[in-house]
Protein backbone atom coordinates (compact mmCIF):
# COMPACT_ATOMS: atom_id res chain seq x y z
CA MET A 1 0.00 0.00 0.00
CA VAL A 2 1.18 3.49 -0.80
CA ASP A 3 -0.21 6.65 0.75
CA TYR A 4 -0.04 9.87 -1.21
CA LEU A 5 0.97 13.05 0.59
CA SER A 6 0.15 16.10 -1.54
CA GLY A 7 1.38 14.19 -4.58
CA GLY A 8 4.33 12.46 -2.89
CA GLN A 9 4.38 8.76 -2.02
CA CYS A 10 4.84 7.04 1.32
CA GLY A 11 4.98 3.31 2.08
CA ARG A 12 3.55 1.55 5.15
CA GLY A 13 5.14 1.80 8.55
CA LEU A 14 6.64 5.29 8.34
CA ARG A 15 7.70 6.41 11.83
CA VAL A 16 8.45 10.09 12.46
CA GLU A 17 9.80 11.65 15.66
CA SER A 18 9.02 15.22 16.74
CA GLY A 19 10.59 18.22 15.05
CA LEU A 20 10.48 17.09 11.40
CA ARG A 21 10.79 20.15 9.14
CA ILE A 22 9.65 19.94 5.52
CA ARG A 23 10.81 23.24 4.04
CA GLN A 24 9.18 23.04 0.61
CA GLY A 25 6.26 20.73 1.41
CA PHE A 26 5.53 17.33 -0.09
CA HIS A 27 5.21 17.09 -3.88
CA ALA A 28 5.20 14.42 -6.59
CA GLY A 29 9.01 14.06 -6.44
CA VAL A 30 9.08 12.95 -2.78
CA ARG A 31 9.01 9.16 -2.43
CA ILE A 32 9.38 7.47 0.95
CA GLY A 33 9.48 3.67 1.12
CA ALA A 34 8.00 1.25 3.64
CA GLY A 35 9.42 0.86 7.14
CA VAL A 36 11.28 4.19 7.13
CA TYR A 37 12.22 5.83 10.43
CA ILE A 38 12.81 9.61 10.56
CA GLY A 39 14.48 10.80 13.75
CA LYS A 40 13.95 13.90 15.84
CA ASP A 41 14.76 17.32 14.33
CA THR A 42 15.29 16.08 10.78
CA THR A 43 15.05 18.68 7.98
CA VAL A 44 14.07 17.99 4.36
CA ASP A 45 14.45 20.70 1.71
CA SER A 46 13.24 19.35 -1.64
CA PRO A 47 11.64 21.97 -3.90
CA ALA A 48 9.08 21.14 -6.58
CA GLY A 49 10.82 19.70 -9.62
CA SER A 50 13.43 17.85 -7.57
CA VAL A 51 13.33 14.15 -6.64
CA LEU A 52 13.96 12.72 -3.19
CA SER A 53 13.79 8.92 -3.14
CA ILE A 54 14.11 7.15 0.22
CA ALA A 55 13.94 3.37 -0.23
CA ASP A 56 12.43 0.80 2.16
CA ASP A 57 13.80 0.21 5.67
CA VAL A 58 15.91 3.38 5.82
CA THR A 59 16.79 4.99 9.16
CA LEU A 60 17.46 8.70 9.37
CA THR A 61 18.73 9.34 12.89
CA GLN A 62 18.45 12.59 14.85
CA GLY A 63 19.23 15.91 13.18
CA VAL A 64 19.73 14.68 9.61
CA PHE A 65 19.54 17.43 6.97
CA ILE A 66 18.65 16.56 3.36
CA SER A 67 18.79 19.25 0.69
CA VAL A 68 17.84 18.37 -2.89
CA ALA A 69 18.52 20.52 -5.95
CA GLN A 70 17.84 17.81 -8.55
CA PHE A 71 18.05 14.24 -7.17
CA VAL A 72 18.97 12.52 -3.92
CA GLY A 73 18.43 8.78 -3.52
CA ILE A 74 18.99 6.79 -0.32
CA GLY A 75 19.19 3.02 -0.86
CA LYS A 76 17.29 0.22 0.84
CA GLY A 77 18.33 -0.53 4.40
CA SER A 78 20.63 2.51 4.73
CA MET A 79 21.24 4.19 8.08
CA ILE A 80 22.22 7.86 8.11
CA GLY A 81 24.01 8.93 11.31
CA GLU A 82 23.20 11.80 13.62
CA TYR A 83 23.55 15.33 12.23
CA CYS A 84 24.67 14.24 8.74
CA SER A 85 24.01 16.57 5.85
CA ILE A 86 23.12 15.04 2.47
CA ARG A 87 23.05 17.34 -0.56
CA ASP A 88 23.30 17.16 -4.29
CA CYS A 89 24.78 20.01 -6.21
CA ASN A 90 24.36 21.29 -9.72
CA THR A 91 27.19 23.79 -9.85
CA ALA A 92 28.89 24.08 -13.22
CA TRP A 93 32.62 24.47 -12.75
CA THR A 94 35.67 22.78 -14.21
CA LEU A 95 39.28 22.59 -13.20
CA ALA A 96 41.66 24.62 -15.31
CA ALA A 97 44.46 22.72 -17.02
CA PRO A 98 47.84 23.16 -15.26
């Protein structure tokens, strides 16, 4: 079973501690799998047009910060430690030849 949150998707068994901050709101690009645990004071910043994919059985411990410009995917069974910051980046720079 999948629940739809303002266009996003969420599997069964989602557990969320207090203090979750969703900066841009849920949208069609937010996909949360089954059995996911989101710890206290976690922040998610995923604007419309970006994709955040959290697979089944993922644990986000306390204070995790996820910022998505285009795509962030967290694989099945992953555990993200306390106060980790996960970000993608779409900066366009290259190293100059020596």
